[in-house]
Structures are given as C-alpha cells and as structure tokens.
Amino acid sequence: MIPRKFEPLLFGFFLSGLMSLLVAGIATLRAAGVGPGFLSLWLTSWLTAWLFAFPAVLLVSPVARRVVRSLLQPEAAEGHASKTG
C-alpha cells in the first residue's frame, strides 16, 4: 500500500488523468470526427493534455480548496452538536 502522505499527489494524478481523457476525447471527436485513426489521435491528444493537466491540478488544487473554504459557512463550534429532526 502507498503511504497516506501521497494522497494529494495520487488524487491529482487520477483526477487529471480522467478529466484530460474525457476532455481530449470530446475535443478530438469534435475536431476530427470518428474515423480511421480516431483512437490513436485521441490517445496522443490525451497524453499531451495530461502532461499539462497533472502539474496544473497540483498547483491549482490548494488554491481551489482555499476558495471553496472561504465560500462555506464556518463549522459549528466543537462540542455544540447541531439539532436535527
């Protein structure tokens, strides 16, 4: 198993890989259409996109987390459970 300290790196790796795969597929489909060589063109585009997406996710995700936290309501003080029901 991989040590927990690598969680942000692994998350960025998988997130950037999957998102760039999806976006490259859509962009390739719109630009070239389905035909001979589509899969090869898509995978080439994906690897190029992933080359940029992975470091971008690692750099941008801490900023995005801070922005999201600034938009959320603060958590209730510890020891004061909210009442539901």
Protein backbone atom coordinates (compact mmCIF):
# COMPACT_ATOMS: atom_id res chain seq x y z
CA MET A 1 0.00 0.00 0.00
CA ILE A 2 1.02 3.57 -0.63
CA PRO A 3 1.62 5.83 2.41
CA ARG A 4 -1.20 8.27 3.17
CA LYS A 5 1.08 11.30 2.77
CA PHE A 6 0.90 10.74 -1.01
CA GLU A 7 -2.90 11.13 -1.09
CA PRO A 8 -2.92 14.64 -2.67
CA LEU A 9 -0.44 13.53 -5.33
CA LEU A 10 -2.40 10.37 -6.18
CA PHE A 11 -5.68 12.26 -6.20
CA GLY A 12 -4.23 14.82 -8.61
CA PHE A 13 -2.79 12.05 -10.76
CA PHE A 14 -6.10 10.23 -11.17
CA LEU A 15 -8.25 13.35 -11.40
CA SER A 16 -6.07 14.95 -14.06
CA GLY A 17 -5.80 11.68 -15.96
CA LEU A 18 -9.52 11.04 -16.09
CA MET A 19 -10.53 14.63 -16.79
CA SER A 20 -7.94 15.09 -19.52
CA LEU A 21 -9.00 11.76 -21.07
CA LEU A 22 -12.61 12.94 -21.21
CA VAL A 23 -11.86 16.44 -22.47
CA ALA A 24 -9.33 15.23 -25.05
CA GLY A 25 -11.86 12.68 -26.30
CA ILE A 26 -14.58 15.28 -26.73
CA ALA A 27 -12.22 17.78 -28.37
CA THR A 28 -10.79 15.12 -30.70
CA LEU A 29 -14.27 13.93 -31.63
CA ARG A 30 -15.41 17.47 -32.45
CA ALA A 31 -12.25 18.33 -34.38
CA ALA A 32 -11.65 15.11 -36.31
CA GLY A 33 -14.83 13.07 -36.03
CA VAL A 34 -14.94 9.31 -35.69
CA GLY A 35 -12.93 7.65 -38.40
CA PRO A 36 -9.73 5.80 -39.10
CA GLY A 37 -7.07 6.70 -36.58
CA PHE A 38 -9.50 8.32 -34.12
CA LEU A 39 -8.37 6.25 -31.15
CA SER A 40 -4.70 6.91 -31.85
CA LEU A 41 -5.34 10.64 -32.25
CA TRP A 42 -7.40 10.70 -29.06
CA LEU A 43 -4.73 8.91 -27.01
CA THR A 44 -1.98 11.15 -28.36
CA SER A 45 -4.06 14.22 -27.52
CA TRP A 46 -4.83 12.81 -24.08
CA LEU A 47 -1.19 12.18 -23.18
CA THR A 48 -0.26 15.68 -24.27
CA ALA A 49 -3.13 17.15 -22.26
CA TRP A 50 -2.25 15.04 -19.21
CA LEU A 51 1.33 16.27 -19.37
CA PHE A 52 -0.03 19.75 -18.65
CA ALA A 53 -3.07 18.82 -16.56
CA PHE A 54 -1.26 16.89 -13.83
CA PRO A 55 1.08 19.69 -12.73
CA ALA A 56 -1.76 22.20 -13.16
CA VAL A 57 -4.00 20.22 -10.79
CA LEU A 58 -1.20 20.00 -8.24
CA LEU A 59 -0.67 23.77 -8.40
CA VAL A 60 -4.29 24.87 -8.58
CA SER A 61 -5.98 22.46 -6.14
CA PRO A 62 -4.67 24.14 -2.94
CA VAL A 63 -5.93 27.49 -4.22
CA ALA A 64 -9.29 25.96 -5.17
CA ARG A 65 -9.60 24.39 -1.71
CA ARG A 66 -8.97 27.78 -0.06
CA VAL A 67 -11.55 29.48 -2.29
CA VAL A 68 -14.14 26.79 -1.52
CA ARG A 69 -13.46 27.05 2.23
CA SER A 70 -13.88 30.82 2.06
CA LEU A 71 -17.33 30.36 0.46
CA LEU A 72 -18.60 27.86 3.03
CA GLN A 73 -20.23 28.63 6.33
CA PRO A 74 -17.96 28.04 9.31
CA GLU A 75 -18.41 24.75 11.13
CA ALA A 76 -20.27 24.79 14.44
CA ALA A 77 -18.01 25.13 17.47
CA GLU A 78 -16.74 21.82 18.83
CA GLY A 79 -18.98 20.33 21.48
CA HIS A 80 -22.11 22.01 20.10
CA ALA A 81 -23.83 19.39 18.01
CA SER A 82 -26.47 20.74 15.68
CA LYS A 83 -30.02 19.60 16.34
CA THR A 84 -31.75 17.73 13.57
CA GLY A 85 -35.24 16.35 13.32
